[in-house]
Amino acid sequence: MSTYKPLHCELHDYLEIACLCGYTLDIELTDGQRLAARVITTRTSSMREEFLEVETTDGRQEIRLDHLLAIAPLDKSARFGRVVLGDE
């Protein structure tokens, strides 16, 4: 596994808002994959890596935060639009 690169605090805030509001996000990953998922929570592992726990039609999964390229809420009443989290 590659070395973990923490997400900037101001960008992490968008994930926290999404979790608190239970948003469904369009999630773009750094490897080119894309998925729609309802966000559940974030967590930090014992190795100090941070993850976003999401629920898709295939069930729950965790995504390491430095694998996120961008997020965009699919909820019409969302408090923010598309946010770029990684290097495009």
PDB file of N, CA and C in Angstrom:
ATOM      1  N   MET A   1       0.847  -1.182   0.000  1.00  0.00           N
ATOM      2  CA  MET A   1       0.000   0.000   0.000  1.00  0.00           C
ATOM      3  C   MET A   1       0.888   1.240   0.000  1.00  0.00           C
ATOM      4  N   SER A   2       0.473   2.282  -0.718  1.00  0.00           N
ATOM      5  CA  SER A   2       1.256   3.506  -0.794  1.00  0.00           C
ATOM      6  C   SER A   2       1.173   4.300   0.507  1.00  0.00           C
ATOM      7  N   THR A   3       2.092   5.245   0.639  1.00  0.00           N
ATOM      8  CA  THR A   3       2.114   6.101   1.818  1.00  0.00           C
ATOM      9  C   THR A   3       0.868   6.982   1.825  1.00  0.00           C
ATOM     10  N   TYR A   4       0.261   7.088   2.985  1.00  0.00           N
ATOM     11  CA  TYR A   4      -0.967   7.868   3.114  1.00  0.00           C
ATOM     12  C   TYR A   4      -0.649   9.361   3.115  1.00  0.00           C
ATOM     13  N   LYS A   5      -1.411  10.126   2.339  1.00  0.00           N
ATOM     14  CA  LYS A   5      -1.293  11.584   2.284  1.00  0.00           C
ATOM     15  C   LYS A   5      -2.578  12.175   2.865  1.00  0.00           C
ATOM     16  N   PRO A   6      -2.510  12.788   4.061  1.00  0.00           N
ATOM     17  CA  PRO A   6      -3.719  13.313   4.707  1.00  0.00           C
ATOM     18  C   PRO A   6      -4.413  14.386   3.873  1.00  0.00           C
ATOM     19  N   LEU A   7      -5.710  14.451   4.024  1.00  0.00           N
ATOM     20  CA  LEU A   7      -6.540  15.452   3.363  1.00  0.00           C
ATOM     21  C   LEU A   7      -6.440  16.759   4.154  1.00  0.00           C
ATOM     22  N   HIS A   8      -6.400  17.896   3.456  1.00  0.00           N
ATOM     23  CA  HIS A   8      -6.374  19.194   4.132  1.00  0.00           C
ATOM     24  C   HIS A   8      -7.648  19.354   4.971  1.00  0.00           C
ATOM     25  N   CYS A   9      -7.504  19.992   6.120  1.00  0.00           N
ATOM     26  CA  CYS A   9      -8.617  20.137   7.069  1.00  0.00           C
ATOM     27  C   CYS A   9      -9.849  20.793   6.448  1.00  0.00           C
ATOM     28  N   GLU A  10      -9.648  21.853   5.651  1.00  0.00           N
ATOM     29  CA  GLU A  10     -10.808  22.544   5.079  1.00  0.00           C
ATOM     30  C   GLU A  10     -11.561  21.652   4.100  1.00  0.00           C
ATOM     31  N   LEU A  11     -10.865  20.723   3.451  1.00  0.00           N
ATOM     32  CA  LEU A  11     -11.533  19.778   2.554  1.00  0.00           C
ATOM     33  C   LEU A  11     -12.235  18.681   3.342  1.00  0.00           C
ATOM     34  N   HIS A  12     -11.651  18.293   4.454  1.00  0.00           N
ATOM     35  CA  HIS A  12     -12.257  17.274   5.327  1.00  0.00           C
ATOM     36  C   HIS A  12     -13.616  17.746   5.831  1.00  0.00           C
ATOM     37  N   ASP A  13     -13.759  19.049   6.024  1.00  0.00           N
ATOM     38  CA  ASP A  13     -15.031  19.616   6.499  1.00  0.00           C
ATOM     39  C   ASP A  13     -16.189  19.267   5.573  1.00  0.00           C
ATOM     40  N   TYR A  14     -15.953  19.238   4.259  1.00  0.00           N
ATOM     41  CA  TYR A  14     -17.014  18.886   3.312  1.00  0.00           C
ATOM     42  C   TYR A  14     -17.485  17.449   3.532  1.00  0.00           C
ATOM     43  N   LEU A  15     -16.557  16.553   3.834  1.00  0.00           N
ATOM     44  CA  LEU A  15     -16.943  15.166   4.109  1.00  0.00           C
ATOM     45  C   LEU A  15     -17.763  15.070   5.394  1.00  0.00           C
ATOM     46  N   GLU A  16     -17.376  15.843   6.393  1.00  0.00           N
ATOM     47  CA  GLU A  16     -18.119  15.845   7.656  1.00  0.00           C
ATOM     48  C   GLU A  16     -19.544  16.379   7.452  1.00  0.00           C
ATOM     49  N   ILE A  17     -19.687  17.440   6.666  1.00  0.00           N
ATOM     50  CA  ILE A  17     -21.029  17.970   6.365  1.00  0.00           C
ATOM     51  C   ILE A  17     -21.854  16.911   5.642  1.00  0.00           C
ATOM     52  N   ALA A  18     -21.243  16.256   4.660  1.00  0.00           N
ATOM     53  CA  ALA A  18     -21.946  15.214   3.907  1.00  0.00           C
ATOM     54  C   ALA A  18     -22.400  14.088   4.827  1.00  0.00           C
ATOM     55  N   CYS A  19     -21.551  13.703   5.773  1.00  0.00           N
ATOM     56  CA  CYS A  19     -21.911  12.633   6.721  1.00  0.00           C
ATOM     57  C   CYS A  19     -23.055  13.080   7.636  1.00  0.00           C
ATOM     58  N   LEU A  20     -22.937  14.283   8.181  1.00  0.00           N
ATOM     59  CA  LEU A  20     -23.973  14.785   9.093  1.00  0.00           C
ATOM     60  C   LEU A  20     -25.328  14.902   8.403  1.00  0.00           C
ATOM     61  N   CYS A  21     -25.317  15.280   7.140  1.00  0.00           N
ATOM     62  CA  CYS A  21     -26.563  15.463   6.380  1.00  0.00           C
ATOM     63  C   CYS A  21     -27.022  14.189   5.685  1.00  0.00           C
ATOM     64  N   GLY A  22     -26.200  13.147   5.700  1.00  0.00           N
ATOM     65  CA  GLY A  22     -26.573  11.889   5.051  1.00  0.00           C
ATOM     66  C   GLY A  22     -26.669  11.997   3.541  1.00  0.00           C
ATOM     67  N   TYR A  23     -25.819  12.825   2.938  1.00  0.00           N
ATOM     68  CA  TYR A  23     -25.857  13.040   1.500  1.00  0.00           C
ATOM     69  C   TYR A  23     -25.488  11.778   0.722  1.00  0.00           C
ATOM     70  N   THR A  24     -26.048  11.690  -0.455  1.00  0.00           N
ATOM     71  CA  THR A  24     -25.579  10.735  -1.459  1.00  0.00           C
ATOM     72  C   THR A  24     -24.650  11.531  -2.359  1.00  0.00           C
ATOM     73  N   LEU A  25     -23.456  10.990  -2.581  1.00  0.00           N
ATOM     74  CA  LEU A  25     -22.441  11.698  -3.350  1.00  0.00           C
ATOM     75  C   LEU A  25     -22.102  10.976  -4.645  1.00  0.00           C
ATOM     76  N   ASP A  26     -21.742  11.763  -5.639  1.00  0.00           N
ATOM     77  CA  ASP A  26     -21.065  11.247  -6.817  1.00  0.00           C
ATOM     78  C   ASP A  26     -19.592  11.332  -6.444  1.00  0.00           C
ATOM     79  N   ILE A  27     -18.939  10.189  -6.314  1.00  0.00           N
ATOM     80  CA  ILE A  27     -17.558  10.121  -5.838  1.00  0.00           C
ATOM     81  C   ILE A  27     -16.642   9.755  -7.001  1.00  0.00           C
ATOM     82  N   GLU A  28     -15.662  10.607  -7.249  1.00  0.00           N
ATOM     83  CA  GLU A  28     -14.654  10.353  -8.278  1.00  0.00           C
ATOM     84  C   GLU A  28     -13.366   9.942  -7.572  1.00  0.00           C
ATOM     85  N   LEU A  29     -12.795   8.813  -7.986  1.00  0.00           N
ATOM     86  CA  LEU A  29     -11.578   8.304  -7.372  1.00  0.00           C
ATOM     87  C   LEU A  29     -10.359   8.612  -8.235  1.00  0.00           C
ATOM     88  N   THR A  30      -9.201   8.614  -7.615  1.00  0.00           N
ATOM     89  CA  THR A  30      -7.969   8.956  -8.327  1.00  0.00           C
ATOM     90  C   THR A  30      -7.617   7.939  -9.406  1.00  0.00           C
ATOM     91  N   ASP A  31      -8.151   6.721  -9.328  1.00  0.00           N
ATOM     92  CA  ASP A  31      -7.855   5.711 -10.350  1.00  0.00           C
ATOM     93  C   ASP A  31      -8.834   5.749 -11.519  1.00  0.00           C
ATOM     94  N   GLY A  32      -9.722   6.769 -11.541  1.00  0.00           N
ATOM     95  CA  GLY A  32     -10.668   6.929 -12.635  1.00  0.00           C
ATOM     96  C   GLY A  32     -12.043   6.336 -12.383  1.00  0.00           C
ATOM     97  N   GLN A  33     -12.185   5.541 -11.326  1.00  0.00           N
ATOM     98  CA  GLN A  33     -13.499   4.973 -11.006  1.00  0.00           C
ATOM     99  C   GLN A  33     -14.418   6.074 -10.494  1.00  0.00           C
ATOM    100  N   ARG A  34     -15.702   5.794 -10.607  1.00  0.00           N
ATOM    101  CA  ARG A  34     -16.727   6.725 -10.144  1.00  0.00           C
ATOM    102  C   ARG A  34     -17.856   5.911  -9.534  1.00  0.00           C
ATOM    103  N   LEU A  35     -18.432   6.390  -8.418  1.00  0.00           N
ATOM    104  CA  LEU A  35     -19.560   5.689  -7.827  1.00  0.00           C
ATOM    105  C   LEU A  35     -20.490   6.670  -7.136  1.00  0.00           C
ATOM    106  N   ALA A  36     -21.738   6.278  -7.050  1.00  0.00           N
ATOM    107  CA  ALA A  36     -22.733   7.026  -6.289  1.00  0.00           C
ATOM    108  C   ALA A  36     -22.934   6.265  -4.992  1.00  0.00           C
ATOM    109  N   ALA A  37     -22.815   6.974  -3.877  1.00  0.00           N
ATOM    110  CA  ALA A  37     -22.907   6.304  -2.583  1.00  0.00           C
ATOM    111  C   ALA A  37     -23.424   7.270  -1.521  1.00  0.00           C
ATOM    112  N   ARG A  38     -24.150   6.703  -0.572  1.00  0.00           N
ATOM    113  CA  ARG A  38     -24.588   7.485   0.596  1.00  0.00           C
ATOM    114  C   ARG A  38     -23.467   7.429   1.614  1.00  0.00           C
ATOM    115  N   VAL A  39     -23.032   8.592   2.078  1.00  0.00           N
ATOM    116  CA  VAL A  39     -21.936   8.625   3.040  1.00  0.00           C
ATOM    117  C   VAL A  39     -22.459   8.334   4.441  1.00  0.00           C
ATOM    118  N   ILE A  40     -21.656   7.622   5.206  1.00  0.00           N
ATOM    119  CA  ILE A  40     -22.062   7.232   6.546  1.00  0.00           C
ATOM    120  C   ILE A  40     -21.209   7.927   7.601  1.00  0.00           C
ATOM    121  N   THR A  41     -19.883   7.754   7.523  1.00  0.00           N
ATOM    122  CA  THR A  41     -18.996   8.352   8.514  1.00  0.00           C
ATOM    123  C   THR A  41     -17.558   8.325   8.007  1.00  0.00           C
ATOM    124  N   THR A  42     -16.694   8.986   8.750  1.00  0.00           N
ATOM    125  CA  THR A  42     -15.260   8.881   8.507  1.00  0.00           C
ATOM    126  C   THR A  42     -14.648   8.182   9.717  1.00  0.00           C
ATOM    127  N   ARG A  43     -13.486   7.571   9.483  1.00  0.00           N
ATOM    128  CA  ARG A  43     -12.782   6.949  10.604  1.00  0.00           C
ATOM    129  C   ARG A  43     -11.294   6.995  10.348  1.00  0.00           C
ATOM    130  N   THR A  44     -10.528   6.894  11.418  1.00  0.00           N
ATOM    131  CA  THR A  44      -9.072   6.865  11.336  1.00  0.00           C
ATOM    132  C   THR A  44      -8.606   5.502  11.825  1.00  0.00           C
ATOM    133  N   SER A  45      -7.733   4.863  11.037  1.00  0.00           N
ATOM    134  CA  SER A  45      -7.218   3.542  11.402  1.00  0.00           C
ATOM    135  C   SER A  45      -6.079   3.688  12.413  1.00  0.00           C
ATOM    136  N   SER A  46      -5.648   2.571  12.952  1.00  0.00           N
ATOM    137  CA  SER A  46      -4.530   2.576  13.898  1.00  0.00           C
ATOM    138  C   SER A  46      -3.230   3.014  13.220  1.00  0.00           C
ATOM    139  N   MET A  47      -3.198   2.946  11.891  1.00  0.00           N
ATOM    140  CA  MET A  47      -2.030   3.388  11.117  1.00  0.00           C
ATOM    141  C   MET A  47      -2.141   4.871  10.743  1.00  0.00           C
ATOM    142  N   ARG A  48      -3.147   5.573  11.296  1.00  0.00           N
ATOM    143  CA  ARG A  48      -3.393   7.002  11.069  1.00  0.00           C
ATOM    144  C   ARG A  48      -3.827   7.317   9.640  1.00  0.00           C
ATOM    145  N   GLU A  49      -4.429   6.338   8.972  1.00  0.00           N
ATOM    146  CA  GLU A  49      -5.018   6.556   7.660  1.00  0.00           C
ATOM    147  C   GLU A  49      -6.500   6.849   7.873  1.00  0.00           C
ATOM    148  N   GLU A  50      -7.045   7.775   7.086  1.00  0.00           N
ATOM    149  CA  GLU A  50      -8.451   8.147   7.222  1.00  0.00           C
ATOM    150  C   GLU A  50      -9.262   7.537   6.092  1.00  0.00           C
ATOM    151  N   PHE A  51     -10.486   7.127   6.435  1.00  0.00           N
ATOM    152  CA  PHE A  51     -11.371   6.453   5.487  1.00  0.00           C
ATOM    153  C   PHE A  51     -12.753   7.077   5.527  1.00  0.00           C
ATOM    154  N   LEU A  52     -13.435   7.016   4.389  1.00  0.00           N
ATOM    155  CA  LEU A  52     -14.832   7.411   4.278  1.00  0.00           C
ATOM    156  C   LEU A  52     -15.641   6.131   4.132  1.00  0.00           C
ATOM    157  N   GLU A  53     -16.572   5.909   5.052  1.00  0.00           N
ATOM    158  CA  GLU A  53     -17.444   4.744   4.947  1.00  0.00           C
ATOM    159  C   GLU A  53     -18.686   5.155   4.173  1.00  0.00           C
ATOM    160  N   VAL A  54     -18.993   4.377   3.137  1.00  0.00           N
ATOM    161  CA  VAL A  54     -20.127   4.687   2.270  1.00  0.00           C
ATOM    162  C   VAL A  54     -20.990   3.443   2.078  1.00  0.00           C
ATOM    163  N   GLU A  55     -22.208   3.678   1.623  1.00  0.00           N
ATOM    164  CA  GLU A  55     -23.114   2.577   1.294  1.00  0.00           C
ATOM    165  C   GLU A  55     -23.555   2.730  -0.157  1.00  0.00           C
ATOM    166  N   THR A  56     -23.325   1.684  -0.938  1.00  0.00           N
ATOM    167  CA  THR A  56     -23.751   1.651  -2.336  1.00  0.00           C
ATOM    168  C   THR A  56     -24.789   0.547  -2.488  1.00  0.00           C
ATOM    169  N   THR A  57     -25.240   0.323  -3.696  1.00  0.00           N
ATOM    170  CA  THR A  57     -26.188  -0.771  -3.945  1.00  0.00           C
ATOM    171  C   THR A  57     -25.534  -2.128  -3.687  1.00  0.00           C
ATOM    172  N   ASP A  58     -24.199  -2.168  -3.686  1.00  0.00           N
ATOM    173  CA  ASP A  58     -23.465  -3.411  -3.408  1.00  0.00           C
ATOM    174  C   ASP A  58     -23.153  -3.601  -1.927  1.00  0.00           C
ATOM    175  N   GLY A  59     -23.547  -2.655  -1.089  1.00  0.00           N
ATOM    176  CA  GLY A  59     -23.280  -2.748   0.347  1.00  0.00           C
ATOM    177  C   GLY A  59     -22.316  -1.667   0.807  1.00  0.00           C
ATOM    178  N   ARG A  60     -21.828  -1.837   2.039  1.00  0.00           N
ATOM    179  CA  ARG A  60     -20.918  -0.853   2.629  1.00  0.00           C
ATOM    180  C   ARG A  60     -19.484  -1.109   2.197  1.00  0.00           C
ATOM    181  N   GLN A  61     -18.750  -0.011   2.070  1.00  0.00           N
ATOM    182  CA  GLN A  61     -17.330  -0.116   1.782  1.00  0.00           C
ATOM    183  C   GLN A  61     -16.620   1.104   2.338  1.00  0.00           C
ATOM    184  N   GLU A  62     -15.307   1.009   2.472  1.00  0.00           N
ATOM    185  CA  GLU A  62     -14.500   2.122   2.938  1.00  0.00           C
ATOM    186  C   GLU A  62     -13.577   2.575   1.817  1.00  0.00           C
ATOM    187  N   ILE A  63     -13.404   3.885   1.719  1.00  0.00           N
ATOM    188  CA  ILE A  63     -12.524   4.467   0.710  1.00  0.00           C
ATOM    189  C   ILE A  63     -11.499   5.317   1.452  1.00  0.00           C
ATOM    190  N   ARG A  64     -10.227   5.027   1.208  1.00  0.00           N
ATOM    191  CA  ARG A  64      -9.180   5.826   1.832  1.00  0.00           C
ATOM    192  C   ARG A  64      -9.254   7.246   1.275  1.00  0.00           C
ATOM    193  N   LEU A  65      -9.187   8.249   2.147  1.00  0.00           N
ATOM    194  CA  LEU A  65      -9.436   9.624   1.733  1.00  0.00           C
ATOM    195  C   LEU A  65      -8.477  10.120   0.665  1.00  0.00           C
ATOM    196  N   ASP A  66      -7.243   9.635   0.653  1.00  0.00           N
ATOM    197  CA  ASP A  66      -6.321  10.109  -0.381  1.00  0.00           C
ATOM    198  C   ASP A  66      -6.550   9.422  -1.724  1.00  0.00           C
ATOM    199  N   HIS A  67      -7.576   8.567  -1.801  1.00  0.00           N
ATOM    200  CA  HIS A  67      -7.984   7.975  -3.075  1.00  0.00           C
ATOM    201  C   HIS A  67      -9.159   8.735  -3.689  1.00  0.00           C
ATOM    202  N   LEU A  68      -9.651   9.757  -2.974  1.00  0.00           N
ATOM    203  CA  LEU A  68     -10.746  10.589  -3.472  1.00  0.00           C
ATOM    204  C   LEU A  68     -10.192  11.696  -4.356  1.00  0.00           C
ATOM    205  N   LEU A  69     -10.749  11.842  -5.534  1.00  0.00           N
ATOM    206  CA  LEU A  69     -10.379  12.948  -6.428  1.00  0.00           C
ATOM    207  C   LEU A  69     -11.350  14.111  -6.238  1.00  0.00           C
ATOM    208  N   ALA A  70     -12.659  13.800  -6.235  1.00  0.00           N
ATOM    209  CA  ALA A  70     -13.677  14.841  -6.089  1.00  0.00           C
ATOM    210  C   ALA A  70     -14.968  14.208  -5.592  1.00  0.00           C
ATOM    211  N   ILE A  71     -15.795  15.051  -4.975  1.00  0.00           N
ATOM    212  CA  ILE A  71     -17.136  14.633  -4.549  1.00  0.00           C
ATOM    213  C   ILE A  71     -18.128  15.690  -5.009  1.00  0.00           C
ATOM    214  N   ALA A  72     -19.349  15.247  -5.299  1.00  0.00           N
ATOM    215  CA  ALA A  72     -20.424  16.171  -5.661  1.00  0.00           C
ATOM    216  C   ALA A  72     -21.724  15.607  -5.089  1.00  0.00           C
ATOM    217  N   PRO A  73     -22.422  16.369  -4.261  1.00  0.00           N
ATOM    218  CA  PRO A  73     -23.683  15.893  -3.709  1.00  0.00           C
ATOM    219  C   PRO A  73     -24.727  15.703  -4.798  1.00  0.00           C
ATOM    220  N   LEU A  74     -25.492  14.633  -4.686  1.00  0.00           N
ATOM    221  CA  LEU A  74     -26.600  14.380  -5.605  1.00  0.00           C
ATOM    222  C   LEU A  74     -27.919  14.905  -5.037  1.00  0.00           C
ATOM    223  N   ASP A  75     -27.903  15.330  -3.780  1.00  0.00           N
ATOM    224  CA  ASP A  75     -29.081  15.889  -3.132  1.00  0.00           C
ATOM    225  C   ASP A  75     -29.295  17.326  -3.605  1.00  0.00           C
ATOM    226  N   LYS A  76     -30.477  17.655  -4.043  1.00  0.00           N
ATOM    227  CA  LYS A  76     -30.778  18.991  -4.573  1.00  0.00           C
ATOM    228  C   LYS A  76     -30.624  20.091  -3.524  1.00  0.00           C
ATOM    229  N   SER A  77     -30.834  19.757  -2.259  1.00  0.00           N
ATOM    230  CA  SER A  77     -30.755  20.765  -1.197  1.00  0.00           C
ATOM    231  C   SER A  77     -29.379  20.815  -0.527  1.00  0.00           C
ATOM    232  N   ALA A  78     -28.371  20.248  -1.155  1.00  0.00           N
ATOM    233  CA  ALA A  78     -27.031  20.182  -0.567  1.00  0.00           C
ATOM    234  C   ALA A  78     -26.465  21.569  -0.310  1.00  0.00           C
ATOM    235  N   ARG A  79     -25.599  21.657   0.686  1.00  0.00           N
ATOM    236  CA  ARG A  79     -25.008  22.927   1.095  1.00  0.00           C
ATOM    237  C   ARG A  79     -23.737  23.283   0.326  1.00  0.00           C
ATOM    238  N   PHE A  80     -23.304  22.413  -0.564  1.00  0.00           N
ATOM    239  CA  PHE A  80     -22.123  22.686  -1.376  1.00  0.00           C
ATOM    240  C   PHE A  80     -22.253  21.945  -2.696  1.00  0.00           C
ATOM    241  N   GLY A  81     -21.428  22.312  -3.658  1.00  0.00           N
ATOM    242  CA  GLY A  81     -21.404  21.667  -4.964  1.00  0.00           C
ATOM    243  C   GLY A  81     -20.209  20.735  -5.082  1.00  0.00           C
ATOM    244  N   ARG A  82     -19.715  20.544  -6.288  1.00  0.00           N
ATOM    245  CA  ARG A  82     -18.563  19.668  -6.518  1.00  0.00           C
ATOM    246  C   ARG A  82     -17.326  20.239  -5.834  1.00  0.00           C
ATOM    247  N   VAL A  83     -16.618  19.376  -5.110  1.00  0.00           N
ATOM    248  CA  VAL A  83     -15.407  19.769  -4.414  1.00  0.00           C
ATOM    249  C   VAL A  83     -14.275  18.847  -4.867  1.00  0.00           C
ATOM    250  N   VAL A  84     -13.184  19.449  -5.333  1.00  0.00           N
ATOM    251  CA  VAL A  84     -12.006  18.684  -5.733  1.00  0.00           C
ATOM    252  C   VAL A  84     -11.154  18.469  -4.487  1.00  0.00           C
ATOM    253  N   LEU A  85     -10.896  17.190  -4.189  1.00  0.00           N
ATOM    254  CA  LEU A  85     -10.138  16.836  -2.988  1.00  0.00           C
ATOM    255  C   LEU A  85      -8.699  16.444  -3.293  1.00  0.00           C
ATOM    256  N   GLY A  86      -8.470  15.963  -4.520  1.00  0.00           N
ATOM    257  CA  GLY A  86      -7.124  15.531  -4.906  1.00  0.00           C
ATOM    258  C   GLY A  86      -6.639  16.309  -6.099  1.00  0.00           C
ATOM    259  N   ASP A  87      -5.532  15.857  -6.656  1.00  0.00           N
ATOM    260  CA  ASP A  87      -4.945  16.518  -7.826  1.00  0.00           C
ATOM    261  C   ASP A  87      -5.644  16.046  -9.085  1.00  0.00           C
ATOM    262  N   GLU A  88      -6.241  16.987  -9.829  1.00  0.00           N
ATOM    263  CA  GLU A  88      -6.919  16.644 -11.087  1.00  0.00           C
ATOM    264  C   GLU A  88      -5.937  16.584 -12.217  1.00  0.00           C
TER     265      GLU A  88
END
